[in-house]
Amino acid sequence: MWYMIITEDFPDSLAKRTAARPEHLARLTKLHEEGRLLLAGPLPAIDSIDPGPAGYTGSLIVAEFDNLTAAEIWANADPFLAAGVYAKVSVKPFRKTLPN
């Protein structure tokens, strides 16, 4: 089943996000290679594809896991969480409807 991982960043965590990004992307790349990643990306703090020093307010990841517990375990092992980027992580089941 698909699960939506929604995160909220701590204020002023851009430097920590930048430092932990390679390890964070490696985990997402692995999910993608396994065919389990629907989408992933950061939430810019301003209306811009590149928010510069304004940074990000969080992230959205939609990926396939065996169950909610597995999705929560994966989300809670994210390098951004360990680095102090994420202040909050929520995991919810997601039913993809479109596109087919």
C-alpha atoms as a PDB file:
ATOM      1  CA  MET A   1       0.000   0.000   0.000  1.00  0.00           C
ATOM      2  CA  TRP A   2       1.050   3.608  -0.519  1.00  0.00           C
ATOM      3  CA  TYR A   3       1.853   5.826   2.479  1.00  0.00           C
ATOM      4  CA  MET A   4       2.198   9.583   2.641  1.00  0.00           C
ATOM      5  CA  ILE A   5       5.002  10.913   4.807  1.00  0.00           C
ATOM      6  CA  ILE A   6       4.499  14.579   5.625  1.00  0.00           C
ATOM      7  CA  THR A   7       7.161  16.416   7.569  1.00  0.00           C
ATOM      8  CA  GLU A   8       7.592  19.850   9.080  1.00  0.00           C
ATOM      9  CA  ASP A   9      11.016  21.438   9.404  1.00  0.00           C
ATOM     10  CA  PHE A  10      12.360  23.271  12.407  1.00  0.00           C
ATOM     11  CA  PRO A  11      12.766  26.984  11.660  1.00  0.00           C
ATOM     12  CA  ASP A  12      16.189  27.963  10.305  1.00  0.00           C
ATOM     13  CA  SER A  13      17.214  24.353   9.573  1.00  0.00           C
ATOM     14  CA  LEU A  14      18.437  24.920   5.991  1.00  0.00           C
ATOM     15  CA  ALA A  15      22.124  24.348   6.836  1.00  0.00           C
ATOM     16  CA  LYS A  16      21.276  21.062   8.572  1.00  0.00           C
ATOM     17  CA  ARG A  17      19.068  20.047   5.623  1.00  0.00           C
ATOM     18  CA  THR A  18      21.875  20.777   3.167  1.00  0.00           C
ATOM     19  CA  ALA A  19      24.400  18.763   5.204  1.00  0.00           C
ATOM     20  CA  ALA A  20      22.137  15.695   5.558  1.00  0.00           C
ATOM     21  CA  ARG A  21      20.743  15.819   1.999  1.00  0.00           C
ATOM     22  CA  PRO A  22      23.102  13.277   0.351  1.00  0.00           C
ATOM     23  CA  GLU A  23      22.202  10.557   2.879  1.00  0.00           C
ATOM     24  CA  HIS A  24      18.500  11.483   2.682  1.00  0.00           C
ATOM     25  CA  LEU A  25      18.543  11.285  -1.144  1.00  0.00           C
ATOM     26  CA  ALA A  26      20.333   7.930  -1.051  1.00  0.00           C
ATOM     27  CA  ARG A  27      17.406   6.409   0.869  1.00  0.00           C
ATOM     28  CA  LEU A  28      14.907   7.885  -1.587  1.00  0.00           C
ATOM     29  CA  THR A  29      16.958   6.652  -4.533  1.00  0.00           C
ATOM     30  CA  LYS A  30      16.872   3.138  -3.080  1.00  0.00           C
ATOM     31  CA  LEU A  31      13.070   3.285  -2.812  1.00  0.00           C
ATOM     32  CA  HIS A  32      12.924   4.522  -6.414  1.00  0.00           C
ATOM     33  CA  GLU A  33      15.187   1.725  -7.655  1.00  0.00           C
ATOM     34  CA  GLU A  34      12.926  -0.787  -5.892  1.00  0.00           C
ATOM     35  CA  GLY A  35       9.892   0.710  -7.684  1.00  0.00           C
ATOM     36  CA  ARG A  36       8.376   1.841  -4.373  1.00  0.00           C
ATOM     37  CA  LEU A  37       8.586   5.636  -4.693  1.00  0.00           C
ATOM     38  CA  LEU A  38       5.641   7.517  -6.176  1.00  0.00           C
ATOM     39  CA  LEU A  39       6.967  11.019  -5.482  1.00  0.00           C
ATOM     40  CA  ALA A  40       9.146  12.982  -3.106  1.00  0.00           C
ATOM     41  CA  GLY A  41      10.171  16.571  -2.650  1.00  0.00           C
ATOM     42  CA  PRO A  42      10.645  19.515  -0.314  1.00  0.00           C
ATOM     43  CA  LEU A  43       8.096  22.216   0.473  1.00  0.00           C
ATOM     44  CA  PRO A  44       9.644  25.618  -0.331  1.00  0.00           C
ATOM     45  CA  ALA A  45       9.095  28.307   2.305  1.00  0.00           C
ATOM     46  CA  ILE A  46       8.265  30.821  -0.441  1.00  0.00           C
ATOM     47  CA  ASP A  47       6.535  30.585  -3.818  1.00  0.00           C
ATOM     48  CA  SER A  48       9.672  29.634  -5.734  1.00  0.00           C
ATOM     49  CA  ILE A  49      11.216  26.438  -7.084  1.00  0.00           C
ATOM     50  CA  ASP A  50      14.492  27.610  -5.487  1.00  0.00           C
ATOM     51  CA  PRO A  51      13.703  29.413  -2.243  1.00  0.00           C
ATOM     52  CA  GLY A  52      17.355  30.235  -1.569  1.00  0.00           C
ATOM     53  CA  PRO A  53      18.001  31.270   2.030  1.00  0.00           C
ATOM     54  CA  ALA A  54      14.249  31.150   2.836  1.00  0.00           C
ATOM     55  CA  GLY A  55      14.670  27.372   2.824  1.00  0.00           C
ATOM     56  CA  TYR A  56      11.908  24.834   3.242  1.00  0.00           C
ATOM     57  CA  THR A  57       9.038  24.166   5.604  1.00  0.00           C
ATOM     58  CA  GLY A  58       9.053  20.389   5.264  1.00  0.00           C
ATOM     59  CA  SER A  59       8.826  17.520   2.795  1.00  0.00           C
ATOM     60  CA  LEU A  60       6.333  15.177   1.179  1.00  0.00           C
ATOM     61  CA  ILE A  61       7.117  11.563   0.317  1.00  0.00           C
ATOM     62  CA  VAL A  62       4.648   9.029  -1.073  1.00  0.00           C
ATOM     63  CA  ALA A  63       6.057   5.509  -1.105  1.00  0.00           C
ATOM     64  CA  GLU A  64       4.961   1.893  -0.914  1.00  0.00           C
ATOM     65  CA  PHE A  65       5.437  -0.134   2.255  1.00  0.00           C
ATOM     66  CA  ASP A  66       4.022  -3.429   3.531  1.00  0.00           C
ATOM     67  CA  ASN A  67       2.071  -1.700   6.289  1.00  0.00           C
ATOM     68  CA  LEU A  68       1.785   1.459   8.375  1.00  0.00           C
ATOM     69  CA  THR A  69       4.312   0.250  10.935  1.00  0.00           C
ATOM     70  CA  ALA A  70       6.937  -0.360   8.231  1.00  0.00           C
ATOM     71  CA  ALA A  71       6.308   3.111   6.795  1.00  0.00           C
ATOM     72  CA  GLU A  72       6.646   4.712  10.228  1.00  0.00           C
ATOM     73  CA  ILE A  73       9.884   2.838  10.960  1.00  0.00           C
ATOM     74  CA  TRP A  74      11.323   3.957   7.605  1.00  0.00           C
ATOM     75  CA  ALA A  75      10.226   7.581   8.135  1.00  0.00           C
ATOM     76  CA  ASN A  76      11.620   7.714  11.663  1.00  0.00           C
ATOM     77  CA  ALA A  77      15.034   6.560  10.417  1.00  0.00           C
ATOM     78  CA  ASP A  78      15.357   9.511   8.019  1.00  0.00           C
ATOM     79  CA  PRO A  79      18.696  11.348   8.226  1.00  0.00           C
ATOM     80  CA  PHE A  80      16.820  14.672   8.275  1.00  0.00           C
ATOM     81  CA  LEU A  81      15.162  13.637  11.522  1.00  0.00           C
ATOM     82  CA  ALA A  82      18.481  12.605  13.082  1.00  0.00           C
ATOM     83  CA  ALA A  83      20.119  15.856  11.902  1.00  0.00           C
ATOM     84  CA  GLY A  84      17.474  18.044  13.524  1.00  0.00           C
ATOM     85  CA  VAL A  85      15.805  19.174  10.284  1.00  0.00           C
ATOM     86  CA  TYR A  86      12.395  17.627  10.906  1.00  0.00           C
ATOM     87  CA  ALA A  87      10.391  18.867  13.880  1.00  0.00           C
ATOM     88  CA  LYS A  88       7.418  16.642  13.076  1.00  0.00           C
ATOM     89  CA  VAL A  89       6.810  13.506  10.990  1.00  0.00           C
ATOM     90  CA  SER A  90       3.328  12.185  10.126  1.00  0.00           C
ATOM     91  CA  VAL A  91       2.657   8.965   8.223  1.00  0.00           C
ATOM     92  CA  LYS A  92      -0.754   8.199   6.740  1.00  0.00           C
ATOM     93  CA  PRO A  93      -2.131   5.598   4.347  1.00  0.00           C
ATOM     94  CA  PHE A  94      -2.640   6.963   0.822  1.00  0.00           C
ATOM     95  CA  ARG A  95      -4.867   5.606  -1.908  1.00  0.00           C
ATOM     96  CA  LYS A  96      -3.645   6.646  -5.357  1.00  0.00           C
ATOM     97  CA  THR A  97      -6.572   7.295  -7.684  1.00  0.00           C
ATOM     98  CA  LEU A  98      -5.177   9.323 -10.617  1.00  0.00           C
ATOM     99  CA  PRO A  99      -3.402   9.028 -12.882  1.00  0.00           C
ATOM    100  CA  ASN A 100      -4.002   5.289 -13.338  1.00  0.00           C
END
